[in-house]
PDB file of all heavy atoms in Angstrom:
ATOM      1  N   VAL A   1      -7.173  -2.669  -3.391  1.00  0.00           N
ATOM      2  CA  VAL A   1      -7.527  -3.543  -2.167  1.00  0.00           C
ATOM      3  C   VAL A   1      -6.424  -3.421  -1.172  1.00  0.00           C
ATOM      4  O   VAL A   1      -5.240  -3.462  -1.497  1.00  0.00           O
ATOM      5  CB  VAL A   1      -7.766  -4.973  -2.625  1.00  0.00           C
ATOM      6  CG1 VAL A   1      -7.949  -5.932  -1.392  1.00  0.00           C
ATOM      7  CG2 VAL A   1      -8.931  -5.110  -3.527  1.00  0.00           C
ATOM      8  N   VAL A   2      -6.808  -3.175   0.057  1.00  0.00           N
ATOM      9  CA  VAL A   2      -5.790  -3.048   1.189  1.00  0.00           C
ATOM     10  C   VAL A   2      -5.136  -4.407   1.364  1.00  0.00           C
ATOM     11  O   VAL A   2      -5.808  -5.433   1.575  1.00  0.00           O
ATOM     12  CB  VAL A   2      -6.511  -2.581   2.445  1.00  0.00           C
ATOM     13  CG1 VAL A   2      -5.443  -2.526   3.593  1.00  0.00           C
ATOM     14  CG2 VAL A   2      -7.168  -1.238   2.290  1.00  0.00           C
ATOM     15  N   LYS A   3      -3.853  -4.417   1.306  1.00  0.00           N
ATOM     16  CA  LYS A   3      -3.018  -5.628   1.450  1.00  0.00           C
ATOM     17  C   LYS A   3      -2.600  -5.788   2.945  1.00  0.00           C
ATOM     18  O   LYS A   3      -2.402  -4.769   3.597  1.00  0.00           O
ATOM     19  CB  LYS A   3      -1.841  -5.601   0.563  1.00  0.00           C
ATOM     20  CG  LYS A   3      -2.119  -5.532  -0.952  1.00  0.00           C
ATOM     21  CD  LYS A   3      -0.870  -5.598  -1.772  1.00  0.00           C
ATOM     22  CE  LYS A   3      -1.180  -5.492  -3.266  1.00  0.00           C
ATOM     23  NZ  LYS A   3      -1.870  -6.741  -3.722  1.00  0.00           N
ATOM     24  N   MET A   4      -2.388  -7.041   3.334  1.00  0.00           N
ATOM     25  CA  MET A   4      -1.898  -7.360   4.620  1.00  0.00           C
ATOM     26  C   MET A   4      -0.433  -6.822   4.666  1.00  0.00           C
ATOM     27  O   MET A   4       0.434  -7.171   3.805  1.00  0.00           O
ATOM     28  CB  MET A   4      -1.937  -8.805   4.923  1.00  0.00           C
ATOM     29  CG  MET A   4      -1.375  -9.196   6.293  1.00  0.00           C
ATOM     30  SD  MET A   4      -2.289  -8.494   7.669  1.00  0.00           S
ATOM     31  CE  MET A   4      -1.372  -9.042   9.030  1.00  0.00           C
ATOM     32  N   GLY A   5      -0.196  -6.046   5.718  1.00  0.00           N
ATOM     33  CA  GLY A   5       1.214  -5.531   5.879  1.00  0.00           C
ATOM     34  C   GLY A   5       2.061  -6.419   6.801  1.00  0.00           C
ATOM     35  O   GLY A   5       1.720  -7.569   7.028  1.00  0.00           O
ATOM     36  N   CYS A   6       3.058  -5.799   7.373  1.00  0.00           N
ATOM     37  CA  CYS A   6       3.952  -6.505   8.309  1.00  0.00           C
ATOM     38  C   CYS A   6       3.828  -5.852   9.666  1.00  0.00           C
ATOM     39  O   CYS A   6       3.954  -4.603   9.821  1.00  0.00           O
ATOM     40  CB  CYS A   6       5.427  -6.406   7.807  1.00  0.00           C
ATOM     41  SG  CYS A   6       6.577  -7.329   8.712  1.00  0.00           S
ATOM     42  N   ILE A   7       3.510  -6.605  10.674  1.00  0.00           N
ATOM     43  CA  ILE A   7       3.106  -6.045  12.007  1.00  0.00           C
ATOM     44  C   ILE A   7       4.382  -5.561  12.767  1.00  0.00           C
ATOM     45  O   ILE A   7       4.490  -4.341  13.142  1.00  0.00           O
ATOM     46  CB  ILE A   7       2.372  -7.078  12.864  1.00  0.00           C
ATOM     47  CG1 ILE A   7       1.064  -7.472  12.154  1.00  0.00           C
ATOM     48  CG2 ILE A   7       2.091  -6.446  14.228  1.00  0.00           C
ATOM     49  CD1 ILE A   7       0.320  -8.523  12.910  1.00  0.00           C
ATOM     50  N   LEU A   8       5.337  -6.409  12.925  1.00  0.00           N
ATOM     51  CA  LEU A   8       6.489  -6.024  13.780  1.00  0.00           C
ATOM     52  C   LEU A   8       6.142  -5.341  15.081  1.00  0.00           C
ATOM     53  O   LEU A   8       5.379  -5.986  15.798  1.00  0.00           O
ATOM     54  CB  LEU A   8       7.490  -5.168  12.932  1.00  0.00           C
ATOM     55  CG  LEU A   8       8.086  -5.854  11.749  1.00  0.00           C
ATOM     56  CD1 LEU A   8       8.839  -4.836  10.825  1.00  0.00           C
ATOM     57  CD2 LEU A   8       9.044  -6.972  12.164  1.00  0.00           C
ATOM     58  N   ASP A   9       6.528  -4.066  15.275  1.00  0.00           N
ATOM     59  CA  ASP A   9       6.126  -3.426  16.500  1.00  0.00           C
ATOM     60  C   ASP A   9       4.978  -2.443  16.298  1.00  0.00           C
ATOM     61  O   ASP A   9       4.811  -1.452  17.055  1.00  0.00           O
ATOM     62  CB  ASP A   9       7.313  -2.735  17.216  1.00  0.00           C
ATOM     63  CG  ASP A   9       8.018  -1.712  16.224  1.00  0.00           C
ATOM     64  OD1 ASP A   9       7.613  -1.690  15.015  1.00  0.00           O
ATOM     65  OD2 ASP A   9       8.897  -0.981  16.701  1.00  0.00           O
ATOM     66  N   GLY A  10       4.246  -2.651  15.222  1.00  0.00           N
ATOM     67  CA  GLY A  10       3.123  -1.755  14.893  1.00  0.00           C
ATOM     68  C   GLY A  10       1.928  -1.914  15.768  1.00  0.00           C
ATOM     69  O   GLY A  10       0.988  -1.124  15.686  1.00  0.00           O
ATOM     70  N   PHE A  11       1.859  -2.986  16.534  1.00  0.00           N
ATOM     71  CA  PHE A  11       0.709  -3.241  17.411  1.00  0.00           C
ATOM     72  C   PHE A  11       1.228  -3.393  18.885  1.00  0.00           C
ATOM     73  O   PHE A  11       2.059  -4.267  19.144  1.00  0.00           O
ATOM     74  CB  PHE A  11      -0.009  -4.509  17.020  1.00  0.00           C
ATOM     75  CG  PHE A  11      -1.155  -4.924  17.875  1.00  0.00           C
ATOM     76  CD1 PHE A  11      -2.306  -4.167  17.824  1.00  0.00           C
ATOM     77  CD2 PHE A  11      -1.068  -5.962  18.737  1.00  0.00           C
ATOM     78  CE1 PHE A  11      -3.402  -4.535  18.662  1.00  0.00           C
ATOM     79  CE2 PHE A  11      -2.139  -6.341  19.561  1.00  0.00           C
ATOM     80  CZ  PHE A  11      -3.313  -5.617  19.501  1.00  0.00           C
ATOM     81  N   SER A  12       0.751  -2.511  19.722  1.00  0.00           N
ATOM     82  CA  SER A  12       1.139  -2.612  21.129  1.00  0.00           C
ATOM     83  C   SER A  12       0.193  -3.542  21.891  1.00  0.00           C
ATOM     84  O   SER A  12      -1.041  -3.400  21.765  1.00  0.00           O
ATOM     85  CB  SER A  12       1.055  -1.201  21.801  1.00  0.00           C
ATOM     86  OG  SER A  12       1.405  -1.258  23.089  1.00  0.00           O
ATOM     87  N   GLU A  13       0.727  -4.477  22.663  1.00  0.00           N
ATOM     88  CA  GLU A  13      -0.045  -5.573  23.260  1.00  0.00           C
ATOM     89  C   GLU A  13      -1.154  -5.041  24.214  1.00  0.00           C
ATOM     90  O   GLU A  13      -2.153  -5.727  24.328  1.00  0.00           O
ATOM     91  CB  GLU A  13       0.858  -6.507  24.012  1.00  0.00           C
ATOM     92  CG  GLU A  13       1.708  -7.419  23.055  1.00  0.00           C
ATOM     93  CD  GLU A  13       2.468  -8.451  23.807  1.00  0.00           C
ATOM     94  OE1 GLU A  13       2.324  -8.542  25.065  1.00  0.00           O
ATOM     95  OE2 GLU A  13       3.212  -9.188  23.123  1.00  0.00           O
ATOM     96  N   HIS A  14      -0.938  -3.887  24.785  1.00  0.00           N
ATOM     97  CA  HIS A  14      -1.941  -3.382  25.759  1.00  0.00           C
ATOM     98  C   HIS A  14      -3.278  -3.073  25.059  1.00  0.00           C
ATOM     99  O   HIS A  14      -4.340  -3.101  25.686  1.00  0.00           O
ATOM    100  CB  HIS A  14      -1.459  -2.120  26.474  1.00  0.00           C
ATOM    101  CG  HIS A  14      -1.564  -0.859  25.674  1.00  0.00           C
ATOM    102  ND1 HIS A  14      -0.655  -0.505  24.684  1.00  0.00           N
ATOM    103  CD2 HIS A  14      -2.498   0.149  25.627  1.00  0.00           C
ATOM    104  CE1 HIS A  14      -0.961   0.670  24.189  1.00  0.00           C
ATOM    105  NE2 HIS A  14      -2.076   1.064  24.746  1.00  0.00           N
ATOM    106  N   MET A  15      -3.199  -2.881  23.715  1.00  0.00           N
ATOM    107  CA  MET A  15      -4.424  -2.553  22.986  1.00  0.00           C
ATOM    108  C   MET A  15      -5.408  -3.722  22.808  1.00  0.00           C
ATOM    109  O   MET A  15      -6.543  -3.516  22.472  1.00  0.00           O
ATOM    110  CB  MET A  15      -4.065  -2.010  21.578  1.00  0.00           C
ATOM    111  CG  MET A  15      -3.321  -0.639  21.710  1.00  0.00           C
ATOM    112  SD  MET A  15      -2.921   0.130  20.073  1.00  0.00           S
ATOM    113  CE  MET A  15      -4.575   0.678  19.603  1.00  0.00           C
ATOM    114  N   MET A  16      -4.930  -4.939  23.055  1.00  0.00           N
ATOM    115  CA  MET A  16      -5.776  -6.098  22.906  1.00  0.00           C
ATOM    116  C   MET A  16      -6.812  -6.206  23.991  1.00  0.00           C
ATOM    117  O   MET A  16      -7.772  -6.965  23.954  1.00  0.00           O
ATOM    118  CB  MET A  16      -4.945  -7.415  22.861  1.00  0.00           C
ATOM    119  CG  MET A  16      -4.306  -7.766  24.132  1.00  0.00           C
ATOM    120  SD  MET A  16      -3.458  -9.392  24.050  1.00  0.00           S
ATOM    121  CE  MET A  16      -2.206  -9.059  22.826  1.00  0.00           C
ATOM    122  N   TYR A  17      -6.624  -5.353  25.079  1.00  0.00           N
ATOM    123  CA  TYR A  17      -7.558  -5.456  26.241  1.00  0.00           C
ATOM    124  C   TYR A  17      -8.693  -4.398  26.120  1.00  0.00           C
ATOM    125  O   TYR A  17      -9.459  -4.244  27.096  1.00  0.00           O
ATOM    126  CB  TYR A  17      -6.772  -5.264  27.491  1.00  0.00           C
ATOM    127  CG  TYR A  17      -5.677  -6.326  27.729  1.00  0.00           C
ATOM    128  CD1 TYR A  17      -4.309  -5.958  27.582  1.00  0.00           C
ATOM    129  CD2 TYR A  17      -6.073  -7.687  27.922  1.00  0.00           C
ATOM    130  CE1 TYR A  17      -3.359  -6.927  27.718  1.00  0.00           C
ATOM    131  CE2 TYR A  17      -5.061  -8.640  28.047  1.00  0.00           C
ATOM    132  CZ  TYR A  17      -3.699  -8.231  27.988  1.00  0.00           C
ATOM    133  OH  TYR A  17      -2.780  -9.228  28.082  1.00  0.00           O
ATOM    134  N   PHE A  18      -8.809  -3.773  24.986  1.00  0.00           N
ATOM    135  CA  PHE A  18      -9.881  -2.749  24.883  1.00  0.00           C
ATOM    136  C   PHE A  18     -10.943  -3.266  23.871  1.00  0.00           C
ATOM    137  O   PHE A  18     -10.706  -4.195  23.103  1.00  0.00           O
ATOM    138  CB  PHE A  18      -9.276  -1.433  24.336  1.00  0.00           C
ATOM    139  CG  PHE A  18      -8.445  -0.732  25.419  1.00  0.00           C
ATOM    140  CD1 PHE A  18      -7.155  -1.102  25.700  1.00  0.00           C
ATOM    141  CD2 PHE A  18      -9.028   0.314  26.153  1.00  0.00           C
ATOM    142  CE1 PHE A  18      -6.381  -0.445  26.685  1.00  0.00           C
ATOM    143  CE2 PHE A  18      -8.318   0.945  27.124  1.00  0.00           C
ATOM    144  CZ  PHE A  18      -6.992   0.612  27.377  1.00  0.00           C
ATOM    145  N   ASP A  19     -12.106  -2.587  23.910  1.00  0.00           N
ATOM    146  CA  ASP A  19     -13.221  -2.918  22.985  1.00  0.00           C
ATOM    147  C   ASP A  19     -12.771  -2.930  21.579  1.00  0.00           C
ATOM    148  O   ASP A  19     -12.055  -2.039  21.137  1.00  0.00           O
ATOM    149  CB  ASP A  19     -14.361  -1.972  23.203  1.00  0.00           C
ATOM    150  CG  ASP A  19     -15.662  -2.357  22.591  1.00  0.00           C
ATOM    151  OD1 ASP A  19     -15.590  -2.739  21.385  1.00  0.00           O
ATOM    152  OD2 ASP A  19     -16.654  -2.336  23.309  1.00  0.00           O
ATOM    153  N   GLU A  20     -13.175  -3.914  20.767  1.00  0.00           N
ATOM    154  CA  GLU A  20     -12.746  -4.057  19.372  1.00  0.00           C
ATOM    155  C   GLU A  20     -13.115  -2.776  18.549  1.00  0.00           C
ATOM    156  O   GLU A  20     -12.349  -2.410  17.631  1.00  0.00           O
ATOM    157  CB  GLU A  20     -13.422  -5.247  18.728  1.00  0.00           C
ATOM    158  CG  GLU A  20     -12.815  -6.593  19.123  1.00  0.00           C
ATOM    159  CD  GLU A  20     -13.287  -7.690  18.217  1.00  0.00           C
ATOM    160  OE1 GLU A  20     -14.003  -7.425  17.261  1.00  0.00           O
ATOM    161  OE2 GLU A  20     -12.822  -8.864  18.458  1.00  0.00           O
ATOM    162  N   LYS A  21     -14.119  -2.077  18.894  1.00  0.00           N
ATOM    163  CA  LYS A  21     -14.504  -0.894  18.093  1.00  0.00           C
ATOM    164  C   LYS A  21     -13.514   0.254  18.393  1.00  0.00           C
ATOM    165  O   LYS A  21     -13.504   1.215  17.559  1.00  0.00           O
ATOM    166  CB  LYS A  21     -15.959  -0.454  18.423  1.00  0.00           C
ATOM    167  CG  LYS A  21     -16.135   0.142  19.777  1.00  0.00           C
ATOM    168  CD  LYS A  21     -17.576   0.570  20.082  1.00  0.00           C
ATOM    169  CE  LYS A  21     -17.745   1.060  21.510  1.00  0.00           C
ATOM    170  NZ  LYS A  21     -19.173   1.409  21.788  1.00  0.00           N
ATOM    171  N   ARG A  22     -12.717   0.085  19.396  1.00  0.00           N
ATOM    172  CA  ARG A  22     -11.761   1.172  19.749  1.00  0.00           C
ATOM    173  C   ARG A  22     -10.251   0.823  19.407  1.00  0.00           C
ATOM    174  O   ARG A  22      -9.465   1.741  19.369  1.00  0.00           O
ATOM    175  CB  ARG A  22     -11.823   1.426  21.259  1.00  0.00           C
ATOM    176  CG  ARG A  22     -13.136   2.002  21.723  1.00  0.00           C
ATOM    177  CD  ARG A  22     -13.241   3.414  21.395  1.00  0.00           C
ATOM    178  NE  ARG A  22     -14.508   3.991  21.787  1.00  0.00           N
ATOM    179  CZ  ARG A  22     -14.948   5.222  21.497  1.00  0.00           C
ATOM    180  NH1 ARG A  22     -14.124   6.018  20.685  1.00  0.00           N
ATOM    181  NH2 ARG A  22     -16.050   5.737  21.847  1.00  0.00           N
ATOM    182  N   THR A  23     -10.058  -0.432  19.128  1.00  0.00           N
ATOM    183  CA  THR A  23      -8.648  -0.865  19.012  1.00  0.00           C
ATOM    184  C   THR A  23      -8.386  -1.561  17.761  1.00  0.00           C
ATOM    185  O   THR A  23      -9.322  -1.914  16.972  1.00  0.00           O
ATOM    186  CB  THR A  23      -8.245  -1.770  20.199  1.00  0.00           C
ATOM    187  OG1 THR A  23      -6.841  -1.955  20.199  1.00  0.00           O
ATOM    188  CG2 THR A  23      -8.994  -3.107  20.218  1.00  0.00           C
ATOM    189  N   PHE A  24      -7.075  -1.873  17.460  1.00  0.00           N
ATOM    190  CA  PHE A  24      -6.717  -2.652  16.254  1.00  0.00           C
ATOM    191  C   PHE A  24      -7.100  -4.139  16.561  1.00  0.00           C
ATOM    192  O   PHE A  24      -6.904  -4.679  17.648  1.00  0.00           O
ATOM    193  CB  PHE A  24      -5.284  -2.571  16.007  1.00  0.00           C
ATOM    194  CG  PHE A  24      -4.722  -1.110  15.780  1.00  0.00           C
ATOM    195  CD1 PHE A  24      -3.614  -0.684  16.457  1.00  0.00           C
ATOM    196  CD2 PHE A  24      -5.416  -0.268  14.980  1.00  0.00           C
ATOM    197  CE1 PHE A  24      -3.140   0.611  16.283  1.00  0.00           C
ATOM    198  CE2 PHE A  24      -4.914   1.054  14.772  1.00  0.00           C
ATOM    199  CZ  PHE A  24      -3.830   1.490  15.479  1.00  0.00           C
ATOM    200  N   VAL A  25      -7.510  -4.803  15.467  1.00  0.00           N
ATOM    201  CA  VAL A  25      -7.756  -6.245  15.548  1.00  0.00           C
ATOM    202  C   VAL A  25      -6.911  -6.895  14.441  1.00  0.00           C
ATOM    203  O   VAL A  25      -7.320  -6.963  13.266  1.00  0.00           O
ATOM    204  CB  VAL A  25      -9.199  -6.630  15.379  1.00  0.00           C
ATOM    205  CG1 VAL A  25      -9.426  -8.166  15.556  1.00  0.00           C
ATOM    206  CG2 VAL A  25     -10.092  -5.903  16.427  1.00  0.00           C
ATOM    207  N   PRO A  26      -5.692  -7.428  14.793  1.00  0.00           N
ATOM    208  CA  PRO A  26      -4.853  -7.897  13.775  1.00  0.00           C
ATOM    209  C   PRO A  26      -5.467  -9.102  12.929  1.00  0.00           C
ATOM    210  O   PRO A  26      -6.196  -9.938  13.448  1.00  0.00           O
ATOM    211  CB  PRO A  26      -3.616  -8.498  14.517  1.00  0.00           C
ATOM    212  CG  PRO A  26      -3.631  -7.644  15.793  1.00  0.00           C
ATOM    213  CD  PRO A  26      -5.045  -7.431  16.121  1.00  0.00           C
ATOM    214  N   SER A  27      -5.245  -9.008  11.655  1.00  0.00           N
ATOM    215  CA  SER A  27      -5.718 -10.024  10.764  1.00  0.00           C
ATOM    216  C   SER A  27      -4.990 -11.396  10.878  1.00  0.00           C
ATOM    217  O   SER A  27      -3.780 -11.297  11.282  1.00  0.00           O
ATOM    218  CB  SER A  27      -5.630  -9.507   9.282  1.00  0.00           C
ATOM    219  OG  SER A  27      -5.861 -10.534   8.369  1.00  0.00           O
TER     220      SER A  27
END
């Protein structure tokens, strides 16, 4: 089972403005 990792700088904020099917959606 995929475990929740640690985000830190793994997610760039500009990606939240794109369609969910194209971008990361943090758990």
